[in-house]
Amino acid sequence: MWPWIKRWRDWAMHDLWSVHRIGPQPQALHYSYEKAGLTIPDQPIPWNAEVVLVEALLRLPTSVARRKADFQLHFPGTTPTAAESLRRIEGDDRYRLIFRLPTPTQAGAAEVVWRNHRLGQLTLPFLSKDEFLDRLRLQMPTLFVRLEGHNIACQTFVATQCRGLMASAVLTSPTSLVPLLDLGLQVEFRSERGGNVQMVPAQPSSSQLADRQALIAVVPKRFPRRMGTWLATWYLADRPLATQRVRAISIRHFHRSLRVSDTRFVAQSLKGKVSVSRQMPPLEEVARAGPCFLVSSSEPGMAGLCRLQVRVQVAGAVQSPVVLEQEAMITDGPTVVAPGTLDATELAQVNAFELQLKGSTLGTLSTSPIPVATFTGEGGFKASADFAWSAAADEELTERLSRLLEDRGNK
């Protein structure tokens, strides 16, 4: 064989055959980005990422020199990036090849190259600032007011009872929340009457930033102490995300809004069974019984504290005895006020139970059975003089009148 042909054959067998047969064999390609000490894998790379990592898992035959200088990463619009490290995976014949490149300004395909031969390719997606802001959602914004030992979500509260304010919301995004770090998430607290404005920064934790949703809560240094409407506005990169209103009212206004929405009796039978009814059961059938008042406020989203008393009307008594005095948290939904039960022998002397607020009666629950109404010639009715009218009695009267009208209409 001619010498020059032998040399050409040896070159081809060494270089070409080694590339296709015994060269590096890529097993997998991954990418991630770093921001504020966090590493976020396999997500669109935001505009404010600090660095991008591309990792390749390779099998390197023993005949191939293990030099990281032989590997490069090509990305459109940038100069080729040399490999940062090439390390063998312990207990395996594979190697981990890592590249670090600057944050791209657009999406593109990255190619891993060995000695000018392409080993693999992957796409690096890009996330712009406007795209991140457009997809971010602030959900369930809620204002909490601290009243004594209670933290309650509300829209209206008593100004003199407020001991603190807190705003919370849930942030959700299709990608991780890491880009929030440079956008300045904050909440503005201000009064509609004017005055000082508080800007409170909201800083999620590292674990929250790595996730795609997070519950954020902020507490202003100063809280409302005077009546009026207060606004809490969430801002991100100077964009308003949501605004909430909370109203502070006077204690007198709060007391005027209180209503007894319903009344019931809680009774324990001779066998120990507990039941709830609108009317007092026959005393010979119960061992104990007591009243239950459902109190609410007509103010929407109300939260307020008030001291209520439950008194009993006893025949011949100069002043109704108090069986319960408690401070109750009242909202716009029904709050149960129940003093407990009395023995059947004690109930025989009770005409009615009264719910009072500072000497004023909010509602009455009679222990007497509802009497038969006597209708007048004008279509009205005359109630019994010794019966204490209640919400339950009014509800039952309305129900019976409705059934009477329905029966007459069917005839």
Protein backbone atom coordinates (compact mmCIF):
# COMPACT_ATOMS: atom_id res chain seq x y z
CA MET A 1 0.00 0.00 0.00
CA TRP A 2 1.26 3.45 -0.87
CA PRO A 3 2.49 5.36 2.17
CA TRP A 4 0.23 8.41 1.60
CA ILE A 5 -2.86 6.19 1.27
CA LYS A 6 -1.99 4.45 4.57
CA ARG A 7 -1.63 7.82 6.32
CA TRP A 8 -5.03 9.00 4.96
CA ARG A 9 -6.67 5.74 6.08
CA ASP A 10 -5.21 6.04 9.60
CA TRP A 11 -6.47 9.67 9.87
CA ALA A 12 -9.99 8.75 8.76
CA MET A 13 -10.19 5.78 11.09
CA HIS A 14 -9.01 7.87 14.06
CA ASP A 15 -11.08 11.06 13.57
CA LEU A 16 -14.24 10.11 11.69
CA TRP A 17 -14.74 6.70 13.25
CA SER A 18 -14.12 8.10 16.76
CA VAL A 19 -16.80 10.78 16.25
CA HIS A 20 -19.53 8.37 15.24
CA ARG A 21 -18.52 5.28 17.17
CA ILE A 22 -16.35 6.11 20.11
CA GLY A 23 -16.95 9.85 20.64
CA PRO A 24 -19.03 11.42 23.49
CA GLN A 25 -22.59 10.18 23.58
CA PRO A 26 -25.11 12.71 25.03
CA GLN A 27 -27.64 11.22 27.44
CA ALA A 28 -29.65 14.29 28.47
CA LEU A 29 -29.67 18.08 28.27
CA HIS A 30 -31.11 20.38 30.95
CA TYR A 31 -31.15 24.09 31.66
CA SER A 32 -31.85 26.29 34.68
CA TYR A 33 -31.27 29.84 35.84
CA GLU A 34 -30.03 31.44 39.05
CA LYS A 35 -31.47 34.42 40.91
CA ALA A 36 -30.74 35.60 44.46
CA GLY A 37 -29.22 32.26 45.42
CA LEU A 38 -32.10 30.22 43.97
CA THR A 39 -31.75 27.77 41.10
CA ILE A 40 -34.92 27.35 39.03
CA PRO A 41 -34.84 24.41 36.59
CA ASP A 42 -36.74 23.94 33.33
CA GLN A 43 -38.72 27.20 33.39
CA PRO A 44 -38.72 30.20 31.03
CA ILE A 45 -35.69 32.38 31.74
CA PRO A 46 -36.76 35.82 33.01
CA TRP A 47 -35.18 39.04 31.86
CA ASN A 48 -33.67 39.65 35.32
CA ALA A 49 -32.04 36.24 35.80
CA GLU A 50 -28.43 36.46 36.97
CA VAL A 51 -27.00 33.55 34.99
CA VAL A 52 -28.16 30.60 32.88
CA LEU A 53 -26.87 27.06 33.42
CA VAL A 54 -26.88 24.36 30.73
CA GLU A 55 -26.06 20.84 31.87
CA ALA A 56 -25.29 17.85 29.66
CA LEU A 57 -24.96 14.23 30.75
CA LEU A 58 -22.43 12.40 28.57
CA ARG A 59 -20.86 8.99 28.20
CA LEU A 60 -17.15 9.35 27.41
CA PRO A 61 -15.37 6.27 26.10
CA THR A 62 -11.94 5.59 27.55
CA SER A 63 -10.33 6.36 24.21
CA VAL A 64 -11.59 10.00 24.30
CA ALA A 65 -9.54 12.60 26.14
CA ARG A 66 -11.55 14.07 29.03
CA ARG A 67 -10.85 17.75 28.52
CA LYS A 68 -13.50 20.37 29.10
CA ALA A 69 -11.73 22.63 26.60
CA ASP A 70 -13.03 20.35 23.83
CA PHE A 71 -16.64 21.34 24.57
CA GLN A 72 -18.48 24.56 23.72
CA LEU A 73 -22.02 25.92 23.85
CA HIS A 74 -23.29 27.86 20.85
CA PHE A 75 -26.19 30.28 21.24
CA PRO A 76 -27.46 32.70 18.54
CA GLY A 77 -26.14 36.24 18.89
CA THR A 78 -23.37 35.37 21.36
CA THR A 79 -19.81 34.10 21.18
CA PRO A 80 -19.27 30.39 21.91
CA THR A 81 -19.18 29.63 25.63
CA ALA A 82 -16.53 27.30 27.00
CA ALA A 83 -17.50 24.61 29.49
CA GLU A 84 -17.15 25.55 33.13
CA SER A 85 -16.69 22.06 34.48
CA LEU A 86 -16.57 18.41 33.45
CA ARG A 87 -17.01 15.95 36.30
CA ARG A 88 -17.60 12.24 36.49
CA ILE A 89 -20.73 11.07 38.31
CA GLU A 90 -19.71 8.92 41.24
CA GLY A 91 -20.44 5.23 40.71
CA ASP A 92 -21.29 5.77 37.04
CA ASP A 93 -19.51 5.97 33.71
CA ARG A 94 -21.29 9.21 32.83
CA TYR A 95 -19.97 12.76 33.10
CA ARG A 96 -21.71 16.01 33.95
CA LEU A 97 -20.81 18.91 31.66
CA ILE A 98 -21.86 22.40 32.81
CA PHE A 99 -21.94 25.72 30.92
CA ARG A 100 -22.67 29.16 32.40
CA LEU A 101 -23.83 31.86 30.01
CA PRO A 102 -25.30 35.35 30.38
CA THR A 103 -29.06 35.85 30.44
CA PRO A 104 -30.37 35.91 26.87
CA THR A 105 -32.56 38.70 25.54
CA GLN A 106 -34.73 36.35 23.48
CA ALA A 107 -35.54 32.69 23.06
CA GLY A 108 -33.20 30.55 21.02
CA ALA A 109 -31.65 27.10 20.46
CA ALA A 110 -28.46 26.25 22.35
CA GLU A 111 -26.10 23.63 20.85
CA VAL A 112 -23.53 21.57 22.73
CA VAL A 113 -20.49 21.04 20.53
CA TRP A 114 -17.48 18.73 20.88
CA ARG A 115 -14.52 19.47 18.59
CA ASN A 116 -16.84 21.21 16.12
CA HIS A 117 -19.26 18.26 16.13
CA ARG A 118 -22.77 18.90 17.48
CA LEU A 119 -23.75 16.58 20.31
CA GLY A 120 -27.21 17.92 21.09
CA GLN A 121 -29.55 20.90 21.10
CA LEU A 122 -32.20 22.37 23.40
CA THR A 123 -34.38 25.47 23.30
CA LEU A 124 -33.96 28.18 25.95
CA PRO A 125 -37.31 29.97 26.38
CA PHE A 126 -37.32 33.63 27.41
CA LEU A 127 -39.72 35.52 29.68
CA SER A 128 -39.94 39.29 29.28
CA LYS A 129 -40.95 41.71 32.04
CA ASP A 130 -44.24 42.67 30.36
CA GLU A 131 -45.15 39.03 29.78
CA PHE A 132 -44.51 38.17 33.43
CA LEU A 133 -46.62 41.10 34.67
CA ASP A 134 -49.48 40.30 32.29
CA ARG A 135 -49.68 36.69 33.48
CA LEU A 136 -49.32 37.42 37.19
CA ARG A 137 -52.58 37.29 39.15
CA LEU A 138 -53.39 38.68 42.60
CA GLN A 139 -56.25 36.66 44.06
CA MET A 140 -58.36 36.81 47.22
CA PRO A 141 -57.11 40.17 48.54
CA THR A 142 -58.38 40.37 52.14
CA LEU A 143 -58.18 42.90 54.95
CA PHE A 144 -57.99 41.68 58.54
CA VAL A 145 -58.67 43.79 61.62
CA ARG A 146 -57.36 42.84 65.06
CA LEU A 147 -59.98 43.32 67.76
CA GLU A 148 -58.68 42.34 71.17
CA GLY A 149 -57.64 38.70 70.70
CA HIS A 150 -59.46 38.29 67.36
CA ASN A 151 -58.08 38.66 63.83
CA ILE A 152 -61.08 38.78 61.54
CA ALA A 153 -61.57 39.51 57.84
CA CYS A 154 -64.05 42.35 57.45
CA GLN A 155 -65.19 45.39 55.49
CA THR A 156 -66.49 47.39 58.45
CA PHE A 157 -65.22 47.67 62.01
CA VAL A 158 -65.48 49.84 65.11
CA ALA A 159 -62.75 52.49 65.04
CA THR A 160 -62.15 52.57 68.80
CA GLN A 161 -61.82 48.76 68.97
CA CYS A 162 -59.17 48.39 66.26
CA ARG A 163 -55.77 47.21 67.52
CA GLY A 164 -54.13 46.44 64.19
CA LEU A 165 -54.61 45.96 60.46
CA MET A 166 -53.29 43.34 58.04
CA ALA A 167 -53.65 42.92 54.26
CA SER A 168 -53.19 39.53 52.59
CA ALA A 169 -53.47 38.17 49.06
CA VAL A 170 -52.47 35.15 46.98
CA LEU A 171 -50.09 35.71 44.06
CA THR A 172 -50.16 33.15 41.24
CA SER A 173 -48.10 32.86 38.06
CA PRO A 174 -47.59 30.22 35.32
CA THR A 175 -43.89 30.37 36.22
CA SER A 176 -41.98 30.79 39.46
CA LEU A 177 -42.33 34.06 41.38
CA VAL A 178 -38.57 34.75 41.45
CA PRO A 179 -38.82 37.80 39.11
CA LEU A 180 -40.78 39.57 41.87
CA LEU A 181 -37.48 40.38 43.59
CA ASP A 182 -36.70 43.38 41.38
CA LEU A 183 -40.26 44.67 40.92
CA GLY A 184 -40.97 46.16 44.35
CA LEU A 185 -44.17 44.50 45.55
CA GLN A 186 -45.79 46.77 48.15
CA VAL A 187 -49.10 47.80 49.68
CA GLU A 188 -50.27 51.40 50.08
CA PHE A 189 -52.49 52.26 53.06
CA ARG A 190 -54.26 55.63 53.04
CA SER A 191 -57.42 57.35 54.20
CA GLU A 192 -59.95 58.74 51.75
CA ARG A 193 -59.99 61.88 53.90
CA GLY A 194 -56.32 62.45 53.16
CA GLY A 195 -53.35 62.44 55.47
CA ASN A 196 -50.17 60.40 55.63
CA VAL A 197 -49.76 57.50 53.22
CA GLN A 198 -48.02 54.30 54.33
CA MET A 199 -46.12 52.22 51.79
CA VAL A 200 -45.40 48.78 53.21
CA PRO A 201 -43.07 46.46 51.21
CA ALA A 202 -44.14 42.84 50.80
CA GLN A 203 -41.21 40.42 50.75
CA PRO A 204 -41.95 36.75 49.98
CA SER A 205 -39.67 34.07 51.41
CA SER A 206 -37.24 32.09 49.26
CA SER A 207 -39.50 29.01 49.29
CA GLN A 208 -42.44 31.15 48.16
CA LEU A 209 -40.42 32.70 45.33
CA ALA A 210 -39.41 29.28 44.04
CA ASP A 211 -43.08 28.26 43.87
CA ARG A 212 -45.78 29.42 41.45
CA GLN A 213 -48.14 30.77 44.10
CA ALA A 214 -47.66 32.40 47.46
CA LEU A 215 -49.75 33.85 50.27
CA ILE A 216 -48.44 37.34 51.08
CA ALA A 217 -49.36 39.36 54.18
CA VAL A 218 -48.28 42.84 55.28
CA VAL A 219 -48.94 44.80 58.47
CA PRO A 220 -48.69 48.62 58.54
CA LYS A 221 -46.97 50.32 61.47
CA ARG A 222 -49.98 52.56 62.07
CA PHE A 223 -53.60 51.43 61.99
CA PRO A 224 -56.90 53.34 61.64
CA ARG A 225 -57.94 55.17 64.80
CA ARG A 226 -60.58 57.47 63.39
CA MET A 227 -63.82 56.98 61.51
CA GLY A 228 -63.90 56.95 57.73
CA THR A 229 -62.96 54.79 54.76
CA TRP A 230 -59.44 53.40 54.38
CA LEU A 231 -57.91 52.03 51.17
CA ALA A 232 -55.32 49.28 50.74
CA THR A 233 -53.82 49.13 47.23
CA TRP A 234 -51.39 46.45 46.04
CA TYR A 235 -48.65 47.70 43.67
CA LEU A 236 -46.13 45.79 41.59
CA ALA A 237 -43.63 47.73 39.46
CA ASP A 238 -45.86 50.81 39.98
CA ARG A 239 -48.83 48.90 38.56
CA PRO A 240 -51.95 48.79 40.79
CA LEU A 241 -53.10 45.18 41.11
CA ALA A 242 -56.09 45.50 43.47
CA THR A 243 -57.70 47.97 45.88
CA GLN A 244 -59.75 47.19 48.97
CA ARG A 245 -61.90 49.43 51.11
CA VAL A 246 -62.53 49.08 54.81
CA ARG A 247 -64.77 51.42 56.81
CA ALA A 248 -64.34 52.45 60.43
CA ILE A 249 -67.57 53.38 62.23
CA SER A 250 -68.50 54.58 65.72
CA ILE A 251 -69.55 52.28 68.53
CA ARG A 252 -72.99 53.93 68.58
CA HIS A 253 -73.46 53.25 64.87
CA PHE A 254 -72.45 49.64 65.48
CA HIS A 255 -74.96 49.19 68.31
CA ARG A 256 -77.77 50.60 66.17
CA SER A 257 -77.01 48.02 63.47
CA LEU A 258 -77.49 44.99 65.75
CA ARG A 259 -80.44 42.69 65.09
CA VAL A 260 -81.78 39.41 66.46
CA SER A 261 -82.21 37.45 63.25
CA ASP A 262 -83.70 34.34 64.88
CA THR A 263 -84.38 32.61 68.20
CA ARG A 264 -84.52 28.96 69.25
CA PHE A 265 -84.82 26.79 72.34
CA VAL A 266 -82.20 24.19 73.20
CA ALA A 267 -83.83 21.37 75.20
CA GLN A 268 -82.57 18.20 76.81
CA SER A 269 -85.15 15.42 77.14
CA LEU A 270 -85.56 13.15 80.15
CA LYS A 271 -83.52 10.55 78.27
CA GLY A 272 -80.66 12.97 77.65
CA LYS A 273 -81.36 13.71 73.97
CA VAL A 274 -80.65 17.31 72.93
CA SER A 275 -82.90 19.03 70.36
CA VAL A 276 -83.52 22.52 68.97
CA SER A 277 -87.02 23.91 68.47
CA ARG A 278 -88.80 27.20 67.85
CA GLN A 279 -91.12 26.83 70.82
CA MET A 280 -90.55 25.67 74.36
CA PRO A 281 -91.39 21.94 74.63
CA PRO A 282 -93.81 20.86 77.39
CA LEU A 283 -91.96 21.05 80.70
CA GLU A 284 -93.03 17.55 81.68
CA GLU A 285 -91.06 16.22 78.68
CA VAL A 286 -87.74 18.00 79.29
CA ALA A 287 -85.09 17.88 82.00
CA ARG A 288 -83.41 21.14 81.04
CA ALA A 289 -83.90 23.89 78.45
CA GLY A 290 -82.51 27.31 77.56
CA PRO A 291 -82.67 30.10 74.97
CA CYS A 292 -80.52 30.61 71.88
CA PHE A 293 -80.35 34.02 70.18
CA LEU A 294 -78.84 34.54 66.73
CA VAL A 295 -77.46 38.09 66.56
CA SER A 296 -76.11 39.86 63.48
CA SER A 297 -75.31 43.33 62.18
CA SER A 298 -76.96 45.03 59.22
CA GLU A 299 -73.60 46.54 58.22
CA PRO A 300 -71.97 44.58 55.36
CA GLY A 301 -68.79 42.76 56.35
CA MET A 302 -69.10 43.95 59.95
CA ALA A 303 -66.77 42.92 62.78
CA GLY A 304 -67.28 44.34 66.24
CA LEU A 305 -67.30 43.43 69.92
CA CYS A 306 -70.21 44.11 72.26
CA ARG A 307 -71.18 43.01 75.77
CA LEU A 308 -74.57 41.29 75.78
CA GLN A 309 -76.78 40.20 78.65
CA VAL A 310 -79.41 37.46 78.75
CA ARG A 311 -82.05 38.10 81.41
CA VAL A 312 -85.08 36.10 82.51
CA GLN A 313 -88.54 37.54 83.06
CA VAL A 314 -89.84 36.07 86.29
CA ALA A 315 -93.36 36.74 87.52
CA GLY A 316 -93.33 39.16 90.45
CA ALA A 317 -89.64 40.11 90.10
CA VAL A 318 -88.77 43.83 90.27
CA GLN A 319 -85.73 43.40 88.00
CA SER A 320 -85.04 40.58 85.58
CA PRO A 321 -82.13 38.42 86.83
CA VAL A 322 -79.07 38.06 84.59
CA VAL A 323 -78.24 34.50 83.52
CA LEU A 324 -75.46 35.38 81.09
CA GLU A 325 -73.16 38.32 80.38
CA GLN A 326 -70.55 37.91 77.69
CA GLU A 327 -68.56 39.86 75.15
CA ALA A 328 -69.45 38.56 71.71
CA MET A 329 -67.86 39.03 68.29
CA ILE A 330 -70.66 40.19 66.00
CA THR A 331 -70.47 40.03 62.19
CA ASP A 332 -72.97 40.39 59.38
CA GLY A 333 -73.71 36.67 59.79
CA PRO A 334 -75.56 35.07 62.70
CA THR A 335 -73.63 34.83 65.98
CA VAL A 336 -74.97 32.38 68.56
CA VAL A 337 -75.59 33.79 72.05
CA ALA A 338 -76.69 31.00 74.38
CA PRO A 339 -76.43 31.15 78.20
CA GLY A 340 -76.91 27.42 78.68
CA THR A 341 -79.89 25.55 80.09
CA LEU A 342 -82.02 25.76 83.24
CA ASP A 343 -83.66 22.98 85.18
CA ALA A 344 -87.31 22.27 84.38
CA THR A 345 -88.35 23.31 87.89
CA GLU A 346 -86.74 26.73 87.36
CA LEU A 347 -88.27 27.11 83.89
CA ALA A 348 -91.75 26.85 85.39
CA GLN A 349 -91.25 30.34 86.90
CA VAL A 350 -89.80 31.94 83.72
CA ASN A 351 -92.10 33.85 81.36
CA ALA A 352 -89.49 34.85 78.79
CA PHE A 353 -85.81 35.38 78.07
CA GLU A 354 -84.50 38.80 77.02
CA LEU A 355 -81.33 39.71 75.15
CA GLN A 356 -80.14 43.16 76.18
CA LEU A 357 -77.41 45.59 75.20
CA LYS A 358 -76.71 48.38 77.69
CA GLY A 359 -80.22 48.17 79.10
CA SER A 360 -81.95 48.10 75.70
CA THR A 361 -83.76 44.95 74.61
CA LEU A 362 -82.62 43.48 71.31
CA GLY A 363 -84.95 40.47 71.35
CA THR A 364 -87.32 38.42 73.49
CA LEU A 365 -88.00 34.70 73.53
CA SER A 366 -91.21 33.67 75.32
CA THR A 367 -91.49 30.36 77.12
CA SER A 368 -95.28 30.38 76.69
CA PRO A 369 -96.86 28.59 73.72
CA ILE A 370 -97.99 30.85 70.91
CA PRO A 371 -101.67 31.71 71.55
CA VAL A 372 -104.41 31.48 69.00
CA ALA A 373 -104.85 34.77 67.20
CA THR A 374 -108.28 36.43 67.22
CA PHE A 375 -109.00 38.08 63.89
CA THR A 376 -110.86 41.39 63.76
CA GLY A 377 -113.42 42.54 61.24
CA GLU A 378 -110.79 44.69 59.50
CA GLY A 379 -108.60 41.68 58.75
CA GLY A 380 -106.13 42.22 61.61
CA PHE A 381 -105.66 40.09 64.69
CA LYS A 382 -105.42 40.67 68.43
CA ALA A 383 -102.51 38.99 70.20
CA SER A 384 -102.59 37.76 73.75
CA ALA A 385 -101.68 40.47 76.24
CA ASP A 386 -99.30 38.28 78.27
CA PHE A 387 -97.35 36.87 75.30
CA ALA A 388 -93.89 38.27 74.56
CA TRP A 389 -93.66 38.54 70.78
CA SER A 390 -90.43 37.24 69.22
CA ALA A 391 -88.80 36.71 65.84
CA ALA A 392 -89.63 33.00 66.00
CA ALA A 393 -93.30 33.76 66.65
CA ASP A 394 -93.35 36.23 63.80
CA GLU A 395 -91.76 33.66 61.47
CA GLU A 396 -94.31 31.01 62.47
CA LEU A 397 -97.18 33.45 61.96
CA THR A 398 -95.93 34.27 58.47
CA GLU A 399 -95.63 30.57 57.65
CA ARG A 400 -99.15 29.80 58.86
CA LEU A 401 -100.65 32.75 56.98
CA SER A 402 -98.89 31.60 53.81
CA ARG A 403 -100.33 28.09 54.19
CA LEU A 404 -103.79 29.57 54.82
CA LEU A 405 -103.61 31.68 51.65
CA GLU A 406 -102.40 28.70 49.63
CA ASP A 407 -105.30 26.55 50.89
CA ARG A 408 -107.83 29.24 49.96
CA GLY A 409 -106.28 29.59 46.51
CA ASN A 410 -106.60 25.85 45.84
CA LYS A 411 -110.31 25.82 46.55
